[in-house]
Amino acid sequence: MTDPNNNFSPEAVLNFYSGTYPILTTAKINGPEIKRDEIQYSFVSTIGTKG
């Protein structure tokens, strides 16, 4: 996903995209990680099994 706004925090980006991708509503943020001279964060789904 592209960064919607360079001034957004990782949490704000997660909230921005959670309307389009509902799985992100329960995701956690991993990072930062530096790749190719960029700071990258990843969103990891925390959906598990019930029971």
C-alpha atoms as a PDB file:
ATOM      1  CA  MET A   1       0.000   0.000   0.000  1.00  0.00           C
ATOM      2  CA  THR A   2       1.154   3.489  -0.632  1.00  0.00           C
ATOM      3  CA  ASP A   3       1.492   6.084   2.078  1.00  0.00           C
ATOM      4  CA  PRO A   4      -1.631   8.275   1.919  1.00  0.00           C
ATOM      5  CA  ASN A   5       0.128  11.198   3.619  1.00  0.00           C
ATOM      6  CA  ASN A   6       3.752  11.564   4.685  1.00  0.00           C
ATOM      7  CA  ASN A   7       2.629  13.318   7.867  1.00  0.00           C
ATOM      8  CA  PHE A   8       0.439  10.402   9.035  1.00  0.00           C
ATOM      9  CA  SER A   9       1.627   8.214  11.889  1.00  0.00           C
ATOM     10  CA  PRO A  10       1.582   4.435  11.316  1.00  0.00           C
ATOM     11  CA  GLU A  11      -1.616   4.280  13.403  1.00  0.00           C
ATOM     12  CA  ALA A  12      -3.269   6.951  11.230  1.00  0.00           C
ATOM     13  CA  VAL A  13      -2.354   5.020   8.069  1.00  0.00           C
ATOM     14  CA  LEU A  14      -3.852   1.868   9.596  1.00  0.00           C
ATOM     15  CA  ASN A  15      -7.066   3.754  10.400  1.00  0.00           C
ATOM     16  CA  PHE A  16      -7.127   5.271   6.894  1.00  0.00           C
ATOM     17  CA  TYR A  17      -6.952   1.871   5.181  1.00  0.00           C
ATOM     18  CA  SER A  18      -9.161  -0.048   7.644  1.00  0.00           C
ATOM     19  CA  GLY A  19     -12.276   1.351   5.940  1.00  0.00           C
ATOM     20  CA  THR A  20     -11.207  -0.284   2.676  1.00  0.00           C
ATOM     21  CA  TYR A  21      -9.630  -3.401   4.192  1.00  0.00           C
ATOM     22  CA  PRO A  22     -11.704  -4.494   7.231  1.00  0.00           C
ATOM     23  CA  ILE A  23      -9.116  -7.119   8.225  1.00  0.00           C
ATOM     24  CA  LEU A  24      -6.906  -4.224   9.330  1.00  0.00           C
ATOM     25  CA  THR A  25      -9.285  -3.326  12.168  1.00  0.00           C
ATOM     26  CA  THR A  26      -7.641  -6.036  14.286  1.00  0.00           C
ATOM     27  CA  ALA A  27      -4.126  -5.742  12.843  1.00  0.00           C
ATOM     28  CA  LYS A  28      -1.021  -4.755  14.747  1.00  0.00           C
ATOM     29  CA  ILE A  29       1.832  -2.667  13.414  1.00  0.00           C
ATOM     30  CA  ASN A  30       5.316  -4.140  13.010  1.00  0.00           C
ATOM     31  CA  GLY A  31       8.344  -2.013  12.337  1.00  0.00           C
ATOM     32  CA  PRO A  32       9.957   0.213  11.490  1.00  0.00           C
ATOM     33  CA  GLU A  33      12.284  -1.608   9.116  1.00  0.00           C
ATOM     34  CA  ILE A  34      14.645   0.096   6.700  1.00  0.00           C
ATOM     35  CA  LYS A  35      14.546  -1.285   3.139  1.00  0.00           C
ATOM     36  CA  ARG A  36      15.988   0.388   0.054  1.00  0.00           C
ATOM     37  CA  ASP A  37      16.514   3.657   1.946  1.00  0.00           C
ATOM     38  CA  GLU A  38      12.858   3.716   3.064  1.00  0.00           C
ATOM     39  CA  ILE A  39      11.296   3.232   6.456  1.00  0.00           C
ATOM     40  CA  GLN A  40       8.650   0.518   6.160  1.00  0.00           C
ATOM     41  CA  TYR A  41       5.989  -0.700   8.550  1.00  0.00           C
ATOM     42  CA  SER A  42       3.875  -3.807   8.104  1.00  0.00           C
ATOM     43  CA  PHE A  43       0.359  -4.543   9.270  1.00  0.00           C
ATOM     44  CA  VAL A  44      -0.082  -8.041  10.654  1.00  0.00           C
ATOM     45  CA  SER A  45      -3.523  -9.516  11.126  1.00  0.00           C
ATOM     46  CA  THR A  46      -4.209 -10.833  14.616  1.00  0.00           C
ATOM     47  CA  ILE A  47      -7.270 -12.910  13.703  1.00  0.00           C
ATOM     48  CA  GLY A  48      -7.098 -16.275  15.377  1.00  0.00           C
ATOM     49  CA  THR A  49      -9.322 -19.255  15.954  1.00  0.00           C
ATOM     50  CA  LYS A  50     -12.049 -19.194  18.538  1.00  0.00           C
ATOM     51  CA  GLY A  51     -12.188 -21.802  21.233  1.00  0.00           C
END
